[in-house]
Amino acid sequence: AQLADLKPDVTWHMVGHLQSNKAKAAVELFDIIHSVDSVRLAEILSRRAEKTLPVLLEVNVSGEATKGGFSVAGIAAAVNEIRQLPNLKTMGLMTVAPFVADPEEIRPVFRKLRELRDSLELKHLSMGMTDDFEVAIEEGASMLRIGRAIFGERRQQ
């Protein structure tokens, strides 16, 4: 209810893994979803959305087994399929880079996502977090996820 009260003046972005059983709530609460990681989830979101919902498709550029998202090899086909869905607008790509000590080591991941975005003629790149956002900006990021720099470290539970 508090989120809904603020909604007219705020654009809410959903960042992070979205379970398909939470799709209905997500389309009601958020204005853009950054982490569509499967065609199946996109289909569910499209069915649940009552208006056009902007989305970013998550790409596992680094190929890490612990990360979700479309493969580099599979993203073009996924974009083409998702573009056909009636209530979604594919606005760009998103990735979560591997954690490394030197942000320069991540540059190839960000560069590859930019190249994919350009080849697919999409607008946005959501990449870069508190420790690597400068490199992400240099490689074309249009959306950053810098929560720790703003809100501080997470408290351990």
N, C-alpha and C. Protein backbone atom coordinates (compact mmCIF):
# COMPACT_ATOMS: atom_id res chain seq x y z
N ALA A 1 0.82 -1.20 0.00
CA ALA A 1 0.00 0.00 0.00
C ALA A 1 0.86 1.25 0.00
N GLN A 2 1.96 1.25 0.76
CA GLN A 2 2.82 2.43 0.79
C GLN A 2 3.42 2.69 -0.59
N LEU A 3 3.83 1.63 -1.28
CA LEU A 3 4.39 1.77 -2.62
C LEU A 3 3.36 2.37 -3.56
N ALA A 4 2.13 1.90 -3.50
CA ALA A 4 1.07 2.42 -4.36
C ALA A 4 0.79 3.89 -4.08
N ASP A 5 0.92 4.32 -2.84
CA ASP A 5 0.68 5.72 -2.50
C ASP A 5 1.69 6.64 -3.16
N LEU A 6 2.92 6.18 -3.36
CA LEU A 6 3.97 6.99 -3.97
C LEU A 6 3.99 6.90 -5.49
N LYS A 7 3.34 5.92 -6.04
CA LYS A 7 3.46 5.58 -7.45
C LYS A 7 3.30 6.73 -8.43
N PRO A 8 2.37 7.67 -8.26
CA PRO A 8 2.22 8.70 -9.28
C PRO A 8 3.48 9.53 -9.52
N ASP A 9 4.32 9.70 -8.53
CA ASP A 9 5.49 10.56 -8.66
C ASP A 9 6.80 9.81 -8.82
N VAL A 10 6.76 8.50 -8.86
CA VAL A 10 7.98 7.71 -8.85
C VAL A 10 7.90 6.65 -9.94
N THR A 11 9.02 6.40 -10.62
CA THR A 11 9.12 5.27 -11.54
C THR A 11 9.82 4.15 -10.80
N TRP A 12 9.13 3.04 -10.60
CA TRP A 12 9.67 1.92 -9.83
C TRP A 12 10.28 0.88 -10.76
N HIS A 13 11.54 0.52 -10.47
CA HIS A 13 12.27 -0.48 -11.23
C HIS A 13 12.39 -1.75 -10.41
N MET A 14 12.04 -2.88 -11.01
CA MET A 14 12.24 -4.18 -10.37
C MET A 14 13.60 -4.70 -10.80
N VAL A 15 14.48 -4.87 -9.83
CA VAL A 15 15.83 -5.37 -10.09
C VAL A 15 16.01 -6.63 -9.25
N GLY A 16 16.50 -7.67 -9.85
CA GLY A 16 16.70 -8.92 -9.12
C GLY A 16 15.84 -10.02 -9.70
N HIS A 17 16.12 -11.23 -9.27
CA HIS A 17 15.41 -12.40 -9.80
C HIS A 17 13.92 -12.28 -9.52
N LEU A 18 13.12 -12.55 -10.53
CA LEU A 18 11.67 -12.52 -10.40
C LEU A 18 11.12 -13.92 -10.63
N GLN A 19 10.51 -14.47 -9.61
CA GLN A 19 9.87 -15.78 -9.74
C GLN A 19 8.56 -15.61 -10.50
N SER A 20 8.24 -16.60 -11.33
CA SER A 20 7.04 -16.50 -12.16
C SER A 20 5.77 -16.37 -11.32
N ASN A 21 5.75 -16.95 -10.13
CA ASN A 21 4.55 -16.84 -9.29
C ASN A 21 4.38 -15.45 -8.69
N LYS A 22 5.36 -14.58 -8.86
CA LYS A 22 5.28 -13.20 -8.38
C LYS A 22 5.02 -12.22 -9.53
N ALA A 23 4.79 -12.73 -10.74
CA ALA A 23 4.63 -11.88 -11.92
C ALA A 23 3.44 -10.94 -11.80
N LYS A 24 2.33 -11.42 -11.30
CA LYS A 24 1.14 -10.58 -11.18
C LYS A 24 1.42 -9.37 -10.29
N ALA A 25 2.02 -9.62 -9.14
CA ALA A 25 2.35 -8.52 -8.24
C ALA A 25 3.36 -7.58 -8.89
N ALA A 26 4.32 -8.12 -9.60
CA ALA A 26 5.36 -7.30 -10.22
C ALA A 26 4.78 -6.34 -11.25
N VAL A 27 3.87 -6.82 -12.10
CA VAL A 27 3.31 -5.93 -13.11
C VAL A 27 2.42 -4.85 -12.50
N GLU A 28 1.88 -5.13 -11.33
CA GLU A 28 1.05 -4.13 -10.65
C GLU A 28 1.90 -3.08 -9.92
N LEU A 29 3.04 -3.49 -9.40
CA LEU A 29 3.85 -2.61 -8.57
C LEU A 29 4.92 -1.83 -9.33
N PHE A 30 5.50 -2.43 -10.37
CA PHE A 30 6.68 -1.85 -11.00
C PHE A 30 6.39 -1.30 -12.39
N ASP A 31 7.17 -0.27 -12.75
CA ASP A 31 7.02 0.37 -14.05
C ASP A 31 7.95 -0.21 -15.10
N ILE A 32 9.02 -0.84 -14.67
CA ILE A 32 9.97 -1.49 -15.57
C ILE A 32 10.61 -2.65 -14.81
N ILE A 33 10.83 -3.74 -15.52
CA ILE A 33 11.43 -4.92 -14.91
C ILE A 33 12.77 -5.18 -15.59
N HIS A 34 13.83 -5.21 -14.78
CA HIS A 34 15.20 -5.34 -15.30
C HIS A 34 15.67 -6.77 -15.50
N SER A 35 14.95 -7.74 -15.02
CA SER A 35 15.55 -9.07 -14.92
C SER A 35 14.69 -10.18 -15.52
N VAL A 36 14.20 -9.96 -16.74
CA VAL A 36 13.48 -11.04 -17.43
C VAL A 36 14.54 -12.02 -17.93
N ASP A 37 14.50 -13.23 -17.37
CA ASP A 37 15.59 -14.18 -17.63
C ASP A 37 15.15 -15.41 -18.41
N SER A 38 13.91 -15.43 -18.90
CA SER A 38 13.45 -16.55 -19.72
C SER A 38 12.26 -16.11 -20.57
N VAL A 39 12.07 -16.79 -21.68
CA VAL A 39 10.91 -16.52 -22.53
C VAL A 39 9.64 -16.85 -21.75
N ARG A 40 9.67 -17.91 -20.97
CA ARG A 40 8.51 -18.31 -20.17
C ARG A 40 8.08 -17.18 -19.22
N LEU A 41 9.03 -16.57 -18.52
CA LEU A 41 8.70 -15.46 -17.64
C LEU A 41 8.13 -14.29 -18.44
N ALA A 42 8.71 -14.00 -19.59
CA ALA A 42 8.21 -12.92 -20.43
C ALA A 42 6.76 -13.18 -20.84
N GLU A 43 6.45 -14.42 -21.20
CA GLU A 43 5.08 -14.76 -21.59
C GLU A 43 4.11 -14.55 -20.42
N ILE A 44 4.52 -14.94 -19.24
CA ILE A 44 3.68 -14.76 -18.05
C ILE A 44 3.47 -13.27 -17.77
N LEU A 45 4.53 -12.49 -17.83
CA LEU A 45 4.40 -11.04 -17.61
C LEU A 45 3.47 -10.41 -18.64
N SER A 46 3.61 -10.81 -19.89
CA SER A 46 2.76 -10.26 -20.94
C SER A 46 1.29 -10.58 -20.69
N ARG A 47 1.01 -11.80 -20.24
CA ARG A 47 -0.37 -12.18 -19.93
C ARG A 47 -0.93 -11.39 -18.75
N ARG A 48 -0.08 -11.11 -17.77
CA ARG A 48 -0.53 -10.44 -16.54
C ARG A 48 -0.63 -8.92 -16.69
N ALA A 49 0.15 -8.36 -17.59
CA ALA A 49 0.19 -6.90 -17.74
C ALA A 49 -1.09 -6.40 -18.40
N GLU A 50 -1.61 -5.31 -17.89
CA GLU A 50 -2.81 -4.70 -18.47
C GLU A 50 -2.45 -3.53 -19.38
N LYS A 51 -1.18 -3.19 -19.41
CA LYS A 51 -0.68 -2.15 -20.31
C LYS A 51 0.73 -2.56 -20.72
N THR A 52 1.30 -1.84 -21.66
CA THR A 52 2.64 -2.17 -22.12
C THR A 52 3.65 -1.99 -20.99
N LEU A 53 4.40 -3.04 -20.73
CA LEU A 53 5.37 -3.05 -19.65
C LEU A 53 6.78 -3.06 -20.23
N PRO A 54 7.59 -2.04 -19.96
CA PRO A 54 8.98 -2.07 -20.41
C PRO A 54 9.78 -3.12 -19.63
N VAL A 55 10.62 -3.85 -20.35
CA VAL A 55 11.45 -4.87 -19.72
C VAL A 55 12.87 -4.82 -20.27
N LEU A 56 13.79 -5.31 -19.45
CA LEU A 56 15.16 -5.55 -19.87
C LEU A 56 15.39 -7.05 -19.74
N LEU A 57 16.13 -7.61 -20.68
CA LEU A 57 16.40 -9.04 -20.66
C LEU A 57 17.77 -9.28 -20.05
N GLU A 58 17.81 -10.19 -19.09
CA GLU A 58 19.06 -10.50 -18.39
C GLU A 58 19.89 -11.46 -19.23
N VAL A 59 21.15 -11.11 -19.43
CA VAL A 59 22.08 -11.94 -20.20
C VAL A 59 23.22 -12.36 -19.29
N ASN A 60 23.51 -13.64 -19.28
CA ASN A 60 24.62 -14.18 -18.50
C ASN A 60 25.87 -14.13 -19.37
N VAL A 61 26.42 -12.94 -19.51
CA VAL A 61 27.56 -12.72 -20.39
C VAL A 61 28.78 -13.50 -19.93
N SER A 62 29.00 -13.57 -18.63
CA SER A 62 30.19 -14.25 -18.10
C SER A 62 30.08 -15.76 -18.15
N GLY A 63 28.88 -16.28 -18.35
CA GLY A 63 28.69 -17.73 -18.41
C GLY A 63 28.78 -18.43 -17.07
N GLU A 64 28.70 -17.68 -15.98
CA GLU A 64 28.79 -18.28 -14.65
C GLU A 64 27.58 -19.17 -14.39
N ALA A 65 27.84 -20.36 -13.89
CA ALA A 65 26.76 -21.32 -13.61
C ALA A 65 25.84 -20.82 -12.51
N THR A 66 26.33 -19.96 -11.64
CA THR A 66 25.52 -19.46 -10.52
C THR A 66 24.61 -18.30 -10.91
N LYS A 67 24.74 -17.81 -12.14
CA LYS A 67 23.93 -16.67 -12.58
C LYS A 67 22.87 -17.11 -13.57
N GLY A 68 21.74 -16.43 -13.52
CA GLY A 68 20.66 -16.71 -14.45
C GLY A 68 20.76 -15.84 -15.68
N GLY A 69 19.78 -15.97 -16.54
CA GLY A 69 19.72 -15.14 -17.73
C GLY A 69 19.90 -15.92 -19.00
N PHE A 70 19.69 -15.22 -20.10
CA PHE A 70 19.87 -15.81 -21.42
C PHE A 70 21.35 -15.95 -21.72
N SER A 71 21.70 -16.94 -22.51
CA SER A 71 23.09 -17.08 -22.95
C SER A 71 23.36 -16.04 -24.03
N VAL A 72 24.63 -15.74 -24.24
CA VAL A 72 25.02 -14.83 -25.31
C VAL A 72 24.53 -15.39 -26.65
N ALA A 73 24.68 -16.70 -26.84
CA ALA A 73 24.27 -17.33 -28.09
C ALA A 73 22.76 -17.32 -28.28
N GLY A 74 22.00 -17.31 -27.19
CA GLY A 74 20.56 -17.41 -27.30
C GLY A 74 19.78 -16.11 -27.20
N ILE A 75 20.46 -15.00 -26.94
CA ILE A 75 19.73 -13.76 -26.68
C ILE A 75 19.02 -13.22 -27.92
N ALA A 76 19.61 -13.32 -29.09
CA ALA A 76 18.96 -12.78 -30.29
C ALA A 76 17.63 -13.47 -30.56
N ALA A 77 17.61 -14.79 -30.47
CA ALA A 77 16.36 -15.53 -30.68
C ALA A 77 15.33 -15.16 -29.62
N ALA A 78 15.79 -15.00 -28.38
CA ALA A 78 14.87 -14.63 -27.29
C ALA A 78 14.28 -13.25 -27.52
N VAL A 79 15.10 -12.30 -27.93
CA VAL A 79 14.61 -10.95 -28.20
C VAL A 79 13.55 -11.00 -29.30
N ASN A 80 13.82 -11.75 -30.36
CA ASN A 80 12.85 -11.84 -31.45
C ASN A 80 11.53 -12.45 -30.98
N GLU A 81 11.60 -13.45 -30.14
CA GLU A 81 10.39 -14.09 -29.62
C GLU A 81 9.63 -13.15 -28.67
N ILE A 82 10.35 -12.50 -27.78
CA ILE A 82 9.72 -11.62 -26.80
C ILE A 82 9.14 -10.37 -27.45
N ARG A 83 9.76 -9.90 -28.52
CA ARG A 83 9.22 -8.73 -29.24
C ARG A 83 7.82 -9.00 -29.79
N GLN A 84 7.46 -10.25 -29.96
CA GLN A 84 6.14 -10.60 -30.49
C GLN A 84 5.04 -10.57 -29.42
N LEU A 85 5.43 -10.52 -28.16
CA LEU A 85 4.44 -10.56 -27.08
C LEU A 85 3.70 -9.22 -27.00
N PRO A 86 2.38 -9.25 -26.81
CA PRO A 86 1.59 -8.03 -26.94
C PRO A 86 1.79 -6.97 -25.86
N ASN A 87 2.11 -7.33 -24.65
CA ASN A 87 2.14 -6.33 -23.58
C ASN A 87 3.53 -6.02 -23.04
N LEU A 88 4.57 -6.45 -23.75
CA LEU A 88 5.93 -6.14 -23.31
C LEU A 88 6.64 -5.31 -24.36
N LYS A 89 7.50 -4.42 -23.90
CA LYS A 89 8.38 -3.67 -24.79
C LYS A 89 9.80 -3.91 -24.31
N THR A 90 10.58 -4.59 -25.14
CA THR A 90 11.96 -4.88 -24.79
C THR A 90 12.79 -3.62 -24.98
N MET A 91 13.24 -3.06 -23.85
CA MET A 91 13.95 -1.79 -23.86
C MET A 91 15.47 -1.94 -23.87
N GLY A 92 15.96 -3.11 -23.46
CA GLY A 92 17.40 -3.25 -23.40
C GLY A 92 17.81 -4.55 -22.75
N LEU A 93 19.09 -4.58 -22.37
CA LEU A 93 19.70 -5.76 -21.79
C LEU A 93 20.28 -5.43 -20.42
N MET A 94 20.38 -6.44 -19.59
CA MET A 94 20.93 -6.31 -18.24
C MET A 94 21.89 -7.46 -17.99
N THR A 95 22.93 -7.18 -17.22
CA THR A 95 23.81 -8.26 -16.77
C THR A 95 24.31 -7.95 -15.38
N VAL A 96 24.67 -9.02 -14.68
CA VAL A 96 25.34 -8.91 -13.39
C VAL A 96 26.74 -9.47 -13.62
N ALA A 97 27.73 -8.61 -13.48
CA ALA A 97 29.11 -9.02 -13.74
C ALA A 97 29.65 -9.85 -12.58
N PRO A 98 30.67 -10.65 -12.85
CA PRO A 98 31.29 -11.41 -11.76
C PRO A 98 31.95 -10.47 -10.75
N PHE A 99 32.05 -10.94 -9.52
CA PHE A 99 32.75 -10.16 -8.49
C PHE A 99 34.24 -10.38 -8.66
N VAL A 100 34.98 -9.29 -8.84
CA VAL A 100 36.43 -9.34 -8.98
C VAL A 100 37.03 -8.17 -8.19
N ALA A 101 38.29 -8.30 -7.86
CA ALA A 101 38.96 -7.25 -7.09
C ALA A 101 39.18 -5.99 -7.93
N ASP A 102 39.52 -6.17 -9.21
CA ASP A 102 39.82 -5.04 -10.09
C ASP A 102 38.69 -4.86 -11.10
N PRO A 103 37.95 -3.76 -11.03
CA PRO A 103 36.83 -3.54 -11.95
C PRO A 103 37.22 -3.60 -13.43
N GLU A 104 38.48 -3.32 -13.75
CA GLU A 104 38.92 -3.40 -15.15
C GLU A 104 38.76 -4.81 -15.71
N GLU A 105 38.81 -5.82 -14.85
CA GLU A 105 38.64 -7.20 -15.32
C GLU A 105 37.24 -7.44 -15.86
N ILE A 106 36.30 -6.60 -15.49
CA ILE A 106 34.91 -6.77 -15.90
C ILE A 106 34.64 -6.10 -17.25
N ARG A 107 35.52 -5.23 -17.68
CA ARG A 107 35.29 -4.48 -18.92
C ARG A 107 34.85 -5.36 -20.09
N PRO A 108 35.48 -6.51 -20.34
CA PRO A 108 35.03 -7.34 -21.48
C PRO A 108 33.57 -7.80 -21.37
N VAL A 109 33.10 -8.02 -20.15
CA VAL A 109 31.70 -8.42 -19.94
C VAL A 109 30.78 -7.27 -20.34
N PHE A 110 31.07 -6.08 -19.86
CA PHE A 110 30.26 -4.91 -20.19
C PHE A 110 30.33 -4.59 -21.69
N ARG A 111 31.52 -4.71 -22.25
CA ARG A 111 31.69 -4.43 -23.69
C ARG A 111 30.86 -5.40 -24.52
N LYS A 112 30.88 -6.67 -24.15
CA LYS A 112 30.11 -7.68 -24.89
C LYS A 112 28.61 -7.37 -24.82
N LEU A 113 28.13 -6.97 -23.65
CA LEU A 113 26.71 -6.64 -23.54
C LEU A 113 26.36 -5.44 -24.42
N ARG A 114 27.25 -4.45 -24.46
CA ARG A 114 27.02 -3.28 -25.33
C ARG A 114 26.96 -3.71 -26.79
N GLU A 115 27.87 -4.58 -27.19
CA GLU A 115 27.88 -5.06 -28.58
C GLU A 115 26.58 -5.81 -28.90
N LEU A 116 26.12 -6.62 -27.96
CA LEU A 116 24.84 -7.33 -28.16
C LEU A 116 23.69 -6.33 -28.28
N ARG A 117 23.67 -5.36 -27.37
CA ARG A 117 22.62 -4.34 -27.41
C ARG A 117 22.60 -3.62 -28.75
N ASP A 118 23.78 -3.23 -29.22
CA ASP A 118 23.87 -2.53 -30.49
C ASP A 118 23.39 -3.40 -31.64
N SER A 119 23.78 -4.66 -31.65
CA SER A 119 23.39 -5.55 -32.75
C SER A 119 21.89 -5.82 -32.75
N LEU A 120 21.27 -5.76 -31.59
CA LEU A 120 19.83 -6.00 -31.47
C LEU A 120 19.01 -4.71 -31.55
N GLU A 121 19.70 -3.58 -31.68
CA GLU A 121 19.07 -2.27 -31.81
C GLU A 121 18.13 -1.97 -30.64
N LEU A 122 18.66 -2.15 -29.44
CA LEU A 122 17.92 -1.84 -28.22
C LEU A 122 18.47 -0.55 -27.62
N LYS A 123 17.74 0.02 -26.68
CA LYS A 123 18.11 1.33 -26.14
C LYS A 123 18.99 1.26 -24.89
N HIS A 124 18.62 0.45 -23.91
CA HIS A 124 19.24 0.55 -22.59
C HIS A 124 20.19 -0.60 -22.26
N LEU A 125 21.15 -0.27 -21.40
CA LEU A 125 22.04 -1.24 -20.77
C LEU A 125 21.98 -1.02 -19.27
N SER A 126 21.54 -2.03 -18.55
CA SER A 126 21.54 -1.99 -17.09
C SER A 126 22.69 -2.86 -16.63
N MET A 127 23.75 -2.20 -16.21
CA MET A 127 24.95 -2.93 -15.78
C MET A 127 25.78 -1.99 -14.94
N GLY A 128 26.51 -2.57 -14.02
CA GLY A 128 27.36 -1.79 -13.15
C GLY A 128 26.74 -1.61 -11.78
N MET A 129 27.54 -1.91 -10.78
CA MET A 129 27.12 -1.75 -9.40
C MET A 129 28.14 -0.87 -8.68
N THR A 130 28.03 -0.75 -7.39
CA THR A 130 28.85 0.17 -6.63
C THR A 130 30.34 0.04 -6.94
N ASP A 131 30.85 -1.16 -7.06
CA ASP A 131 32.30 -1.34 -7.22
C ASP A 131 32.79 -1.23 -8.66
N ASP A 132 31.88 -1.22 -9.63
CA ASP A 132 32.34 -1.24 -11.03
C ASP A 132 31.56 -0.28 -11.94
N PHE A 133 30.80 0.64 -11.36
CA PHE A 133 29.94 1.46 -12.19
C PHE A 133 30.70 2.38 -13.14
N GLU A 134 31.91 2.82 -12.77
CA GLU A 134 32.67 3.70 -13.67
C GLU A 134 32.98 2.99 -14.98
N VAL A 135 33.42 1.74 -14.89
CA VAL A 135 33.72 0.95 -16.09
C VAL A 135 32.44 0.72 -16.88
N ALA A 136 31.34 0.45 -16.18
CA ALA A 136 30.05 0.24 -16.86
C ALA A 136 29.64 1.48 -17.65
N ILE A 137 29.80 2.65 -17.05
CA ILE A 137 29.47 3.90 -17.75
C ILE A 137 30.34 4.06 -18.99
N GLU A 138 31.63 3.81 -18.84
CA GLU A 138 32.55 3.91 -19.98
C GLU A 138 32.15 2.97 -21.11
N GLU A 139 31.53 1.85 -20.76
CA GLU A 139 31.12 0.87 -21.77
C GLU A 139 29.66 1.03 -22.21
N GLY A 140 29.01 2.11 -21.77
CA GLY A 140 27.70 2.43 -22.32
C GLY A 140 26.50 2.22 -21.43
N ALA A 141 26.69 1.96 -20.15
CA ALA A 141 25.55 1.75 -19.25
C ALA A 141 24.64 2.97 -19.25
N SER A 142 23.35 2.72 -19.31
CA SER A 142 22.37 3.80 -19.18
C SER A 142 21.59 3.68 -17.88
N MET A 143 21.72 2.55 -17.21
CA MET A 143 21.11 2.33 -15.90
C MET A 143 22.12 1.62 -15.02
N LEU A 144 22.27 2.11 -13.79
CA LEU A 144 23.22 1.54 -12.83
C LEU A 144 22.48 1.03 -11.61
N ARG A 145 23.11 0.09 -10.92
CA ARG A 145 22.54 -0.45 -9.68
C ARG A 145 23.58 -0.23 -8.58
N ILE A 146 23.50 0.93 -7.96
CA ILE A 146 24.54 1.33 -7.00
C ILE A 146 23.98 1.45 -5.58
N GLY A 147 23.20 0.49 -5.19
CA GLY A 147 22.53 0.54 -3.89
C GLY A 147 23.45 0.71 -2.71
N ARG A 148 24.54 -0.05 -2.66
CA ARG A 148 25.43 0.01 -1.50
C ARG A 148 26.06 1.39 -1.36
N ALA A 149 26.37 2.05 -2.48
CA ALA A 149 26.95 3.39 -2.41
C ALA A 149 25.95 4.41 -1.85
N ILE A 150 24.67 4.14 -2.04
CA ILE A 150 23.63 5.05 -1.55
C ILE A 150 23.16 4.67 -0.15
N PHE A 151 22.88 3.38 0.04
CA PHE A 151 22.25 2.92 1.28
C PHE A 151 23.20 2.30 2.29
N GLY A 152 24.44 2.05 1.89
CA GLY A 152 25.40 1.42 2.80
C GLY A 152 25.36 -0.10 2.70
N GLU A 153 26.22 -0.71 3.48
CA GLU A 153 26.32 -2.17 3.49
C GLU A 153 25.03 -2.79 4.01
N ARG A 154 24.74 -3.97 3.51
CA ARG A 154 23.59 -4.72 4.04
C ARG A 154 23.91 -5.23 5.43
N ARG A 155 22.91 -5.20 6.27
CA ARG A 155 23.09 -5.78 7.60
C ARG A 155 22.99 -7.29 7.50
N GLN A 156 23.87 -7.97 8.22
CA GLN A 156 23.82 -9.44 8.26
C GLN A 156 22.65 -9.87 9.11
N GLN A 157 21.95 -10.90 8.67
CA GLN A 157 20.77 -11.37 9.42
C GLN A 157 21.13 -12.50 10.35
